[in-house]
Amino acid sequence: MLSVEGVGKRFGDLWVFRSISFELSAGDALIVLGRNGSGKSTLLKVIAGLASPSEGKVNLPDGDSRRTLGLSALDIHLYHNLTVKEHFALAAELRGVEPDWPILEQVGLQSRFNQLVGELSSGTKARLKIAIATAAKPQVLLLDEPGVSLDEAGREAVRQICEIQRTRGCLIVATNDPLERSLGTLELDLAS
């Protein structure tokens, strides 16, 4: 389903990581570990196609990557002048899918449909990013530090989303959080 073959990334003369290889199939959940600055977020961006690898290659499942891959990351920017409903609908349209409104309810945003994104707390914005990432029911879901600003209910929603994801594809979570580490079936430590 997803294969990463000898991937490395450098910035100038500094290699962040090298020779990363793995294959994931439906049902797999890879937890990417490592200290701050070890390249966890960068690896997810390379897999998502938002950064080019300096070496190696990433093979995604066949099909339109807008539909087969979802990414939720801390540094993804949201449009603050749109409502939650408008933002979610726009994201679905850009990915070529119909809005899957129940996902917003699953992440606890049902009462926020008409609120401007710019008025949301950081935790509520994190919930919206996760909803957007899962809207197309991707075969590959990438979550970068998903629980950083979430409360207990938000973390439970992430856990449930991860379980659902493993029934339709694979999951990669970049984290140092012990609770999020329990979401995985496999681990990759970039510090080693």
N, C-alpha and C. Protein backbone atom coordinates (compact mmCIF):
# COMPACT_ATOMS: atom_id res chain seq x y z
N MET A 1 0.82 -1.19 0.00
CA MET A 1 0.00 0.00 0.00
C MET A 1 0.87 1.26 0.00
N LEU A 2 1.74 1.42 0.99
CA LEU A 2 2.65 2.56 1.08
C LEU A 2 4.05 2.01 1.29
N SER A 3 5.00 2.46 0.47
CA SER A 3 6.39 2.05 0.71
C SER A 3 7.30 3.26 0.66
N VAL A 4 8.24 3.27 1.57
CA VAL A 4 9.26 4.31 1.67
C VAL A 4 10.58 3.59 1.49
N GLU A 5 11.33 4.01 0.46
CA GLU A 5 12.54 3.28 0.07
C GLU A 5 13.77 4.17 0.18
N GLY A 6 14.58 3.95 1.21
CA GLY A 6 15.85 4.64 1.37
C GLY A 6 15.74 6.15 1.40
N VAL A 7 14.70 6.67 2.03
CA VAL A 7 14.45 8.11 2.02
C VAL A 7 15.37 8.83 3.00
N GLY A 8 15.91 9.92 2.52
CA GLY A 8 16.71 10.81 3.35
C GLY A 8 16.37 12.24 3.03
N LYS A 9 16.59 13.13 3.99
CA LYS A 9 16.32 14.55 3.79
C LYS A 9 17.45 15.35 4.42
N ARG A 10 17.95 16.30 3.64
CA ARG A 10 18.97 17.18 4.18
C ARG A 10 18.60 18.62 3.86
N PHE A 11 19.11 19.49 4.71
CA PHE A 11 18.99 20.93 4.52
C PHE A 11 20.42 21.45 4.47
N GLY A 12 20.85 21.87 3.28
CA GLY A 12 22.24 22.26 3.10
C GLY A 12 23.12 21.04 3.26
N ASP A 13 24.10 21.13 4.15
CA ASP A 13 25.00 20.00 4.40
C ASP A 13 24.53 19.10 5.55
N LEU A 14 23.44 19.48 6.21
CA LEU A 14 22.95 18.76 7.39
C LEU A 14 21.88 17.74 7.00
N TRP A 15 22.18 16.44 7.22
CA TRP A 15 21.20 15.39 7.01
C TRP A 15 20.32 15.30 8.24
N VAL A 16 19.02 15.44 8.06
CA VAL A 16 18.08 15.30 9.17
C VAL A 16 17.86 13.82 9.45
N PHE A 17 17.70 13.03 8.39
CA PHE A 17 17.62 11.57 8.49
C PHE A 17 18.06 10.99 7.16
N ARG A 18 18.45 9.72 7.20
CA ARG A 18 18.91 9.02 5.99
C ARG A 18 18.43 7.58 6.03
N SER A 19 18.32 7.01 4.84
CA SER A 19 18.06 5.58 4.63
C SER A 19 16.85 5.06 5.40
N ILE A 20 15.75 5.81 5.38
CA ILE A 20 14.52 5.36 6.02
C ILE A 20 13.75 4.49 5.02
N SER A 21 13.45 3.26 5.43
CA SER A 21 12.70 2.34 4.57
C SER A 21 11.66 1.60 5.40
N PHE A 22 10.45 1.50 4.86
CA PHE A 22 9.41 0.68 5.47
C PHE A 22 8.27 0.52 4.48
N GLU A 23 7.44 -0.49 4.74
CA GLU A 23 6.22 -0.73 3.97
C GLU A 23 5.07 -0.86 4.95
N LEU A 24 3.95 -0.24 4.60
CA LEU A 24 2.75 -0.33 5.43
C LEU A 24 1.59 -0.82 4.58
N SER A 25 0.78 -1.68 5.17
CA SER A 25 -0.43 -2.18 4.54
C SER A 25 -1.63 -1.77 5.37
N ALA A 26 -2.81 -2.03 4.87
CA ALA A 26 -4.03 -1.73 5.61
C ALA A 26 -3.95 -2.40 6.98
N GLY A 27 -4.31 -1.66 8.00
CA GLY A 27 -4.28 -2.16 9.36
C GLY A 27 -3.02 -1.79 10.12
N ASP A 28 -1.97 -1.36 9.41
CA ASP A 28 -0.72 -0.96 10.07
C ASP A 28 -0.82 0.46 10.61
N ALA A 29 -0.19 0.69 11.75
CA ALA A 29 -0.11 2.01 12.35
C ALA A 29 1.32 2.22 12.82
N LEU A 30 2.06 3.06 12.11
CA LEU A 30 3.46 3.33 12.42
C LEU A 30 3.57 4.57 13.31
N ILE A 31 4.25 4.42 14.42
CA ILE A 31 4.52 5.55 15.30
C ILE A 31 5.96 5.99 15.03
N VAL A 32 6.13 7.25 14.64
CA VAL A 32 7.45 7.81 14.37
C VAL A 32 7.87 8.59 15.61
N LEU A 33 8.95 8.12 16.23
CA LEU A 33 9.46 8.71 17.47
C LEU A 33 10.76 9.45 17.20
N GLY A 34 11.15 10.27 18.15
CA GLY A 34 12.43 10.97 18.06
C GLY A 34 12.37 12.29 18.80
N ARG A 35 13.51 12.74 19.22
CA ARG A 35 13.58 14.00 19.95
C ARG A 35 13.14 15.14 19.02
N ASN A 36 12.91 16.31 19.60
CA ASN A 36 12.61 17.49 18.79
C ASN A 36 13.76 17.75 17.84
N GLY A 37 13.43 17.99 16.58
CA GLY A 37 14.47 18.25 15.58
C GLY A 37 15.01 17.01 14.90
N SER A 38 14.48 15.83 15.25
CA SER A 38 14.99 14.59 14.65
C SER A 38 14.41 14.33 13.26
N GLY A 39 13.38 15.09 12.86
CA GLY A 39 12.84 14.95 11.52
C GLY A 39 11.48 14.28 11.43
N LYS A 40 10.79 14.12 12.54
CA LYS A 40 9.48 13.46 12.51
C LYS A 40 8.51 14.19 11.57
N SER A 41 8.37 15.49 11.77
CA SER A 41 7.45 16.28 10.94
C SER A 41 7.94 16.33 9.50
N THR A 42 9.24 16.44 9.31
CA THR A 42 9.81 16.48 7.95
C THR A 42 9.53 15.19 7.22
N LEU A 43 9.66 14.05 7.89
CA LEU A 43 9.37 12.77 7.26
C LEU A 43 7.91 12.72 6.79
N LEU A 44 7.00 13.17 7.62
CA LEU A 44 5.59 13.18 7.22
C LEU A 44 5.37 14.08 6.01
N LYS A 45 6.04 15.23 5.97
CA LYS A 45 5.90 16.13 4.82
C LYS A 45 6.47 15.49 3.55
N VAL A 46 7.55 14.74 3.67
CA VAL A 46 8.11 14.04 2.51
C VAL A 46 7.12 12.99 2.02
N ILE A 47 6.54 12.22 2.92
CA ILE A 47 5.57 11.20 2.53
C ILE A 47 4.35 11.85 1.87
N ALA A 48 3.94 13.00 2.40
CA ALA A 48 2.77 13.69 1.85
C ALA A 48 3.05 14.41 0.54
N GLY A 49 4.31 14.50 0.16
CA GLY A 49 4.66 15.20 -1.08
C GLY A 49 4.79 16.70 -0.91
N LEU A 50 4.82 17.18 0.33
CA LEU A 50 4.98 18.61 0.59
C LEU A 50 6.44 19.02 0.65
N ALA A 51 7.33 18.05 0.72
CA ALA A 51 8.78 18.27 0.68
C ALA A 51 9.37 17.13 -0.15
N SER A 52 10.38 17.46 -0.91
CA SER A 52 11.03 16.44 -1.74
C SER A 52 12.11 15.74 -0.95
N PRO A 53 12.22 14.42 -1.10
CA PRO A 53 13.32 13.74 -0.43
C PRO A 53 14.64 14.10 -1.11
N SER A 54 15.71 14.13 -0.34
CA SER A 54 17.04 14.35 -0.90
C SER A 54 17.60 13.07 -1.49
N GLU A 55 17.08 11.94 -1.01
CA GLU A 55 17.43 10.62 -1.56
C GLU A 55 16.26 9.69 -1.33
N GLY A 56 16.19 8.64 -2.14
CA GLY A 56 15.14 7.64 -1.99
C GLY A 56 13.83 8.07 -2.61
N LYS A 57 12.79 7.25 -2.38
CA LYS A 57 11.49 7.57 -2.95
C LYS A 57 10.36 7.03 -2.09
N VAL A 58 9.20 7.66 -2.27
CA VAL A 58 7.97 7.28 -1.58
C VAL A 58 6.99 6.80 -2.63
N ASN A 59 6.40 5.63 -2.42
CA ASN A 59 5.40 5.08 -3.32
C ASN A 59 4.06 5.05 -2.59
N LEU A 60 3.15 5.91 -3.04
CA LEU A 60 1.81 5.96 -2.45
C LEU A 60 0.89 4.99 -3.17
N PRO A 61 -0.24 4.65 -2.55
CA PRO A 61 -1.22 3.82 -3.24
C PRO A 61 -1.63 4.49 -4.55
N ASP A 62 -2.02 3.69 -5.51
CA ASP A 62 -2.48 4.24 -6.79
C ASP A 62 -3.70 5.12 -6.57
N GLY A 63 -3.83 6.10 -7.44
CA GLY A 63 -5.00 6.96 -7.38
C GLY A 63 -4.61 8.41 -7.11
N ASP A 64 -5.61 9.24 -7.00
CA ASP A 64 -5.47 10.66 -6.78
C ASP A 64 -5.01 10.89 -5.34
N SER A 65 -3.82 11.47 -5.15
CA SER A 65 -3.28 11.64 -3.80
C SER A 65 -4.14 12.57 -2.95
N ARG A 66 -4.97 13.42 -3.58
CA ARG A 66 -5.88 14.28 -2.80
C ARG A 66 -6.89 13.43 -2.04
N ARG A 67 -7.16 12.24 -2.57
CA ARG A 67 -8.13 11.35 -1.93
C ARG A 67 -7.46 10.23 -1.14
N THR A 68 -6.29 9.79 -1.57
CA THR A 68 -5.68 8.62 -0.93
C THR A 68 -4.83 8.99 0.28
N LEU A 69 -4.56 10.28 0.49
CA LEU A 69 -3.69 10.69 1.58
C LEU A 69 -4.30 11.85 2.35
N GLY A 70 -4.23 11.79 3.67
CA GLY A 70 -4.68 12.88 4.53
C GLY A 70 -3.59 13.23 5.51
N LEU A 71 -3.42 14.54 5.77
CA LEU A 71 -2.38 15.02 6.68
C LEU A 71 -2.95 16.04 7.64
N SER A 72 -2.68 15.85 8.91
CA SER A 72 -2.98 16.84 9.93
C SER A 72 -1.67 17.16 10.64
N ALA A 73 -1.29 18.45 10.60
CA ALA A 73 -0.02 18.86 11.20
C ALA A 73 -0.19 20.20 11.90
N LEU A 74 0.68 20.45 12.85
CA LEU A 74 0.62 21.68 13.62
C LEU A 74 0.76 22.92 12.75
N ASP A 75 1.59 22.85 11.72
CA ASP A 75 1.86 24.05 10.92
C ASP A 75 0.97 24.20 9.69
N ILE A 76 -0.09 23.43 9.60
CA ILE A 76 -1.06 23.63 8.52
C ILE A 76 -1.91 24.84 8.91
N HIS A 77 -2.03 25.76 7.98
CA HIS A 77 -2.78 26.99 8.26
C HIS A 77 -4.23 26.85 7.83
N LEU A 78 -5.09 27.47 8.59
CA LEU A 78 -6.52 27.47 8.31
C LEU A 78 -6.95 28.88 7.92
N TYR A 79 -8.06 28.97 7.19
CA TYR A 79 -8.62 30.26 6.79
C TYR A 79 -9.48 30.79 7.92
N HIS A 80 -9.02 31.81 8.59
CA HIS A 80 -9.68 32.33 9.79
C HIS A 80 -10.98 33.06 9.51
N ASN A 81 -11.18 33.52 8.26
CA ASN A 81 -12.41 34.27 7.96
C ASN A 81 -13.53 33.38 7.44
N LEU A 82 -13.34 32.07 7.43
CA LEU A 82 -14.40 31.12 7.07
C LEU A 82 -14.98 30.51 8.33
N THR A 83 -16.23 30.08 8.25
CA THR A 83 -16.80 29.32 9.36
C THR A 83 -16.27 27.88 9.30
N VAL A 84 -16.46 27.15 10.36
CA VAL A 84 -16.05 25.74 10.38
C VAL A 84 -16.71 24.99 9.23
N LYS A 85 -18.01 25.22 9.04
CA LYS A 85 -18.76 24.54 7.98
C LYS A 85 -18.20 24.92 6.60
N GLU A 86 -17.95 26.22 6.38
CA GLU A 86 -17.42 26.67 5.09
C GLU A 86 -16.03 26.09 4.83
N HIS A 87 -15.20 26.09 5.87
CA HIS A 87 -13.83 25.58 5.71
C HIS A 87 -13.84 24.09 5.37
N PHE A 88 -14.65 23.34 6.09
CA PHE A 88 -14.74 21.90 5.85
C PHE A 88 -15.27 21.61 4.45
N ALA A 89 -16.29 22.36 4.02
CA ALA A 89 -16.85 22.18 2.67
C ALA A 89 -15.82 22.53 1.61
N LEU A 90 -15.06 23.60 1.81
CA LEU A 90 -14.02 23.99 0.85
C LEU A 90 -12.95 22.91 0.76
N ALA A 91 -12.51 22.40 1.90
CA ALA A 91 -11.48 21.36 1.91
C ALA A 91 -11.97 20.12 1.16
N ALA A 92 -13.22 19.74 1.37
CA ALA A 92 -13.78 18.58 0.67
C ALA A 92 -13.83 18.84 -0.84
N GLU A 93 -14.26 20.04 -1.22
CA GLU A 93 -14.34 20.38 -2.65
C GLU A 93 -12.96 20.33 -3.31
N LEU A 94 -11.95 20.86 -2.62
CA LEU A 94 -10.60 20.86 -3.17
C LEU A 94 -10.05 19.43 -3.32
N ARG A 95 -10.53 18.53 -2.49
CA ARG A 95 -10.09 17.14 -2.58
C ARG A 95 -10.96 16.31 -3.51
N GLY A 96 -12.02 16.94 -4.04
CA GLY A 96 -12.87 16.25 -5.00
C GLY A 96 -13.82 15.24 -4.37
N VAL A 97 -14.22 15.50 -3.11
CA VAL A 97 -15.14 14.59 -2.43
C VAL A 97 -16.30 15.40 -1.85
N GLU A 98 -17.37 14.70 -1.53
CA GLU A 98 -18.50 15.33 -0.85
C GLU A 98 -18.15 15.50 0.63
N PRO A 99 -18.59 16.60 1.25
CA PRO A 99 -18.31 16.77 2.69
C PRO A 99 -18.92 15.63 3.51
N ASP A 100 -18.13 15.05 4.38
CA ASP A 100 -18.57 13.97 5.26
C ASP A 100 -18.88 14.58 6.62
N TRP A 101 -20.05 15.19 6.72
CA TRP A 101 -20.41 15.96 7.91
C TRP A 101 -20.31 15.18 9.22
N PRO A 102 -20.60 13.88 9.27
CA PRO A 102 -20.48 13.15 10.54
C PRO A 102 -19.07 13.20 11.16
N ILE A 103 -18.04 13.41 10.33
CA ILE A 103 -16.69 13.52 10.89
C ILE A 103 -16.59 14.72 11.82
N LEU A 104 -17.24 15.83 11.45
CA LEU A 104 -17.22 17.01 12.32
C LEU A 104 -17.86 16.70 13.67
N GLU A 105 -18.92 15.92 13.64
CA GLU A 105 -19.55 15.52 14.90
C GLU A 105 -18.63 14.59 15.68
N GLN A 106 -17.95 13.69 14.99
CA GLN A 106 -17.07 12.74 15.66
C GLN A 106 -15.94 13.45 16.41
N VAL A 107 -15.44 14.56 15.86
CA VAL A 107 -14.37 15.28 16.54
C VAL A 107 -14.90 16.37 17.48
N GLY A 108 -16.22 16.43 17.65
CA GLY A 108 -16.81 17.34 18.62
C GLY A 108 -17.03 18.76 18.12
N LEU A 109 -17.23 18.93 16.81
CA LEU A 109 -17.42 20.28 16.27
C LEU A 109 -18.86 20.56 15.83
N GLN A 110 -19.81 19.69 16.18
CA GLN A 110 -21.17 19.86 15.73
C GLN A 110 -21.77 21.20 16.17
N SER A 111 -21.39 21.72 17.30
CA SER A 111 -21.95 23.00 17.78
C SER A 111 -21.16 24.20 17.27
N ARG A 112 -20.13 23.97 16.46
CA ARG A 112 -19.27 25.06 15.99
C ARG A 112 -19.40 25.34 14.50
N PHE A 113 -20.37 24.72 13.83
CA PHE A 113 -20.50 24.85 12.38
C PHE A 113 -20.44 26.29 11.90
N ASN A 114 -21.11 27.20 12.59
CA ASN A 114 -21.23 28.58 12.12
C ASN A 114 -20.26 29.54 12.78
N GLN A 115 -19.30 29.01 13.55
CA GLN A 115 -18.31 29.86 14.20
C GLN A 115 -17.13 30.08 13.26
N LEU A 116 -16.62 31.31 13.26
CA LEU A 116 -15.45 31.61 12.45
C LEU A 116 -14.24 30.84 12.97
N VAL A 117 -13.45 30.31 12.06
CA VAL A 117 -12.26 29.54 12.44
C VAL A 117 -11.31 30.40 13.28
N GLY A 118 -11.21 31.70 12.97
CA GLY A 118 -10.34 32.59 13.71
C GLY A 118 -10.73 32.77 15.17
N GLU A 119 -11.95 32.41 15.51
CA GLU A 119 -12.44 32.53 16.89
C GLU A 119 -12.25 31.25 17.69
N LEU A 120 -11.74 30.20 17.06
CA LEU A 120 -11.61 28.91 17.72
C LEU A 120 -10.35 28.85 18.58
N SER A 121 -10.41 28.06 19.63
CA SER A 121 -9.21 27.79 20.45
C SER A 121 -8.25 26.92 19.66
N SER A 122 -7.02 26.82 20.13
CA SER A 122 -6.03 26.00 19.42
C SER A 122 -6.46 24.53 19.40
N GLY A 123 -7.07 24.06 20.46
CA GLY A 123 -7.54 22.68 20.51
C GLY A 123 -8.67 22.42 19.53
N THR A 124 -9.58 23.39 19.39
CA THR A 124 -10.69 23.25 18.46
C THR A 124 -10.18 23.31 17.02
N LYS A 125 -9.18 24.14 16.75
CA LYS A 125 -8.57 24.18 15.42
C LYS A 125 -7.90 22.83 15.11
N ALA A 126 -7.27 22.23 16.12
CA ALA A 126 -6.64 20.92 15.93
C ALA A 126 -7.69 19.88 15.54
N ARG A 127 -8.86 19.95 16.18
CA ARG A 127 -9.94 19.03 15.84
C ARG A 127 -10.37 19.22 14.38
N LEU A 128 -10.46 20.48 13.94
CA LEU A 128 -10.85 20.77 12.56
C LEU A 128 -9.81 20.23 11.58
N LYS A 129 -8.53 20.38 11.89
CA LYS A 129 -7.47 19.87 11.01
C LYS A 129 -7.57 18.35 10.87
N ILE A 130 -7.87 17.67 11.96
CA ILE A 130 -8.00 16.22 11.92
C ILE A 130 -9.23 15.82 11.09
N ALA A 131 -10.32 16.56 11.26
CA ALA A 131 -11.53 16.28 10.46
C ALA A 131 -11.25 16.47 8.97
N ILE A 132 -10.55 17.53 8.62
CA ILE A 132 -10.21 17.79 7.22
C ILE A 132 -9.32 16.67 6.67
N ALA A 133 -8.35 16.23 7.47
CA ALA A 133 -7.42 15.18 7.02
C ALA A 133 -8.14 13.87 6.75
N THR A 134 -9.21 13.60 7.47
CA THR A 134 -9.91 12.33 7.33
C THR A 134 -11.13 12.41 6.42
N ALA A 135 -11.45 13.60 5.94
CA ALA A 135 -12.70 13.81 5.19
C ALA A 135 -12.83 12.94 3.95
N ALA A 136 -11.72 12.66 3.27
CA ALA A 136 -11.79 11.86 2.05
C ALA A 136 -11.64 10.37 2.32
N LYS A 137 -11.66 10.00 3.60
CA LYS A 137 -11.46 8.59 3.99
C LYS A 137 -10.19 8.05 3.32
N PRO A 138 -9.05 8.68 3.60
CA PRO A 138 -7.82 8.34 2.89
C PRO A 138 -7.31 6.93 3.21
N GLN A 139 -6.55 6.39 2.26
CA GLN A 139 -5.89 5.11 2.49
C GLN A 139 -4.68 5.27 3.41
N VAL A 140 -4.08 6.46 3.38
CA VAL A 140 -2.92 6.77 4.22
C VAL A 140 -3.24 8.03 5.00
N LEU A 141 -3.21 7.95 6.33
CA LEU A 141 -3.47 9.11 7.19
C LEU A 141 -2.21 9.42 7.98
N LEU A 142 -1.75 10.67 7.89
CA LEU A 142 -0.56 11.14 8.57
C LEU A 142 -0.98 12.14 9.64
N LEU A 143 -0.61 11.87 10.89
CA LEU A 143 -0.95 12.76 12.00
C LEU A 143 0.34 13.20 12.69
N ASP A 144 0.59 14.49 12.69
CA ASP A 144 1.79 15.04 13.30
C ASP A 144 1.42 15.64 14.65
N GLU A 145 1.86 14.99 15.73
CA GLU A 145 1.58 15.43 17.10
C GLU A 145 0.09 15.75 17.28
N PRO A 146 -0.79 14.79 17.01
CA PRO A 146 -2.23 15.10 16.99
C PRO A 146 -2.82 15.55 18.32
N GLY A 147 -2.25 15.16 19.43
CA GLY A 147 -2.86 15.49 20.71
C GLY A 147 -2.28 16.69 21.43
N VAL A 148 -1.38 17.42 20.77
CA VAL A 148 -0.65 18.50 21.45
C VAL A 148 -1.56 19.47 22.18
N SER A 149 -2.63 19.93 21.56
CA SER A 149 -3.48 20.93 22.21
C SER A 149 -4.88 20.40 22.51
N LEU A 150 -5.02 19.09 22.55
CA LEU A 150 -6.34 18.51 22.77
C LEU A 150 -6.57 18.13 24.22
N ASP A 151 -7.82 18.25 24.64
CA ASP A 151 -8.22 17.79 25.97
C ASP A 151 -8.49 16.29 25.90
N GLU A 152 -8.95 15.74 27.01
CA GLU A 152 -9.17 14.29 27.07
C GLU A 152 -10.19 13.82 26.04
N ALA A 153 -11.27 14.60 25.86
CA ALA A 153 -12.29 14.22 24.86
C ALA A 153 -11.71 14.26 23.45
N GLY A 154 -10.88 15.24 23.17
CA GLY A 154 -10.24 15.34 21.87
C GLY A 154 -9.29 14.18 21.61
N ARG A 155 -8.55 13.80 22.63
CA ARG A 155 -7.63 12.66 22.49
C ARG A 155 -8.40 11.36 22.25
N GLU A 156 -9.56 11.24 22.89
CA GLU A 156 -10.38 10.05 22.67
C GLU A 156 -10.91 10.04 21.24
N ALA A 157 -11.29 11.21 20.71
CA ALA A 157 -11.75 11.29 19.32
C ALA A 157 -10.62 10.87 18.38
N VAL A 158 -9.39 11.29 18.65
CA VAL A 158 -8.25 10.90 17.83
C VAL A 158 -8.05 9.39 17.89
N ARG A 159 -8.15 8.81 19.07
CA ARG A 159 -7.99 7.36 19.21
C ARG A 159 -9.02 6.62 18.36
N GLN A 160 -10.28 7.09 18.40
CA GLN A 160 -11.34 6.45 17.62
C GLN A 160 -11.08 6.61 16.12
N ILE A 161 -10.64 7.79 15.70
CA ILE A 161 -10.33 8.02 14.29
C ILE A 161 -9.21 7.09 13.84
N CYS A 162 -8.22 6.91 14.69
CA CYS A 162 -7.10 6.01 14.35
C CYS A 162 -7.57 4.57 14.19
N GLU A 163 -8.48 4.13 15.05
CA GLU A 163 -9.03 2.78 14.92
C GLU A 163 -9.79 2.62 13.62
N ILE A 164 -10.60 3.61 13.27
CA ILE A 164 -11.36 3.56 12.01
C ILE A 164 -10.39 3.56 10.83
N GLN A 165 -9.35 4.39 10.92
CA GLN A 165 -8.38 4.48 9.82
C GLN A 165 -7.74 3.13 9.53
N ARG A 166 -7.43 2.39 10.56
CA ARG A 166 -6.77 1.09 10.37
C ARG A 166 -7.68 0.08 9.68
N THR A 167 -8.99 0.31 9.66
CA THR A 167 -9.90 -0.59 8.94
C THR A 167 -9.92 -0.28 7.45
N ARG A 168 -9.49 0.92 7.05
CA ARG A 168 -9.55 1.28 5.63
C ARG A 168 -8.19 1.54 5.00
N GLY A 169 -7.15 1.57 5.81
CA GLY A 169 -5.83 1.86 5.28
C GLY A 169 -4.79 1.84 6.37
N CYS A 170 -3.75 2.63 6.19
CA CYS A 170 -2.67 2.67 7.18
C CYS A 170 -2.59 4.06 7.81
N LEU A 171 -1.82 4.13 8.87
CA LEU A 171 -1.73 5.32 9.71
C LEU A 171 -0.28 5.54 10.09
N ILE A 172 0.14 6.81 10.07
CA ILE A 172 1.46 7.18 10.58
C ILE A 172 1.26 8.34 11.54
N VAL A 173 1.75 8.18 12.76
CA VAL A 173 1.64 9.22 13.78
C VAL A 173 3.04 9.60 14.23
N ALA A 174 3.38 10.88 14.10
CA ALA A 174 4.65 11.39 14.61
C ALA A 174 4.38 11.96 16.00
N THR A 175 5.07 11.43 17.01
CA THR A 175 4.75 11.84 18.38
C THR A 175 5.87 11.46 19.34
N ASN A 176 5.84 12.09 20.50
CA ASN A 176 6.64 11.66 21.64
C ASN A 176 5.74 11.39 22.84
N ASP A 177 4.45 11.45 22.62
CA ASP A 177 3.46 11.28 23.68
C ASP A 177 3.25 9.79 23.95
N PRO A 178 3.43 9.35 25.20
CA PRO A 178 3.26 7.92 25.52
C PRO A 178 1.86 7.38 25.20
N LEU A 179 0.82 8.20 25.39
CA LEU A 179 -0.53 7.75 25.07
C LEU A 179 -0.71 7.55 23.57
N GLU A 180 -0.18 8.46 22.77
CA GLU A 180 -0.28 8.32 21.32
C GLU A 180 0.57 7.15 20.82
N ARG A 181 1.62 6.87 21.53
CA ARG A 181 2.49 5.74 21.16
C ARG A 181 1.71 4.44 21.19
N SER A 182 0.72 4.36 22.06
CA SER A 182 -0.09 3.14 22.18
C SER A 182 -1.01 2.93 20.98
N LEU A 183 -1.13 3.93 20.09
CA LEU A 183 -1.97 3.81 18.90
C LEU A 183 -1.33 2.94 17.82
N GLY A 184 -0.04 2.67 17.96
CA GLY A 184 0.70 2.02 16.89
C GLY A 184 0.80 0.52 16.98
N THR A 185 1.11 -0.07 15.83
CA THR A 185 1.43 -1.48 15.74
C THR A 185 2.92 -1.66 15.42
N LEU A 186 3.56 -0.58 14.94
CA LEU A 186 4.97 -0.57 14.57
C LEU A 186 5.59 0.74 15.04
N GLU A 187 6.91 0.75 15.23
CA GLU A 187 7.59 1.98 15.63
C GLU A 187 8.84 2.21 14.78
N LEU A 188 9.11 3.49 14.56
CA LEU A 188 10.33 3.94 13.89
C LEU A 188 10.90 5.06 14.74
N ASP A 189 12.08 4.85 15.28
CA ASP A 189 12.72 5.85 16.14
C ASP A 189 13.80 6.57 15.34
N LEU A 190 13.58 7.84 15.06
CA LEU A 190 14.53 8.62 14.28
C LEU A 190 15.76 9.04 15.09
N ALA A 191 15.70 8.84 16.40
CA ALA A 191 16.83 9.19 17.25
C ALA A 191 17.93 8.14 17.21
N SER A 192 17.56 6.93 16.75
CA SER A 192 18.56 5.86 16.76
C SER A 192 19.32 5.78 15.47
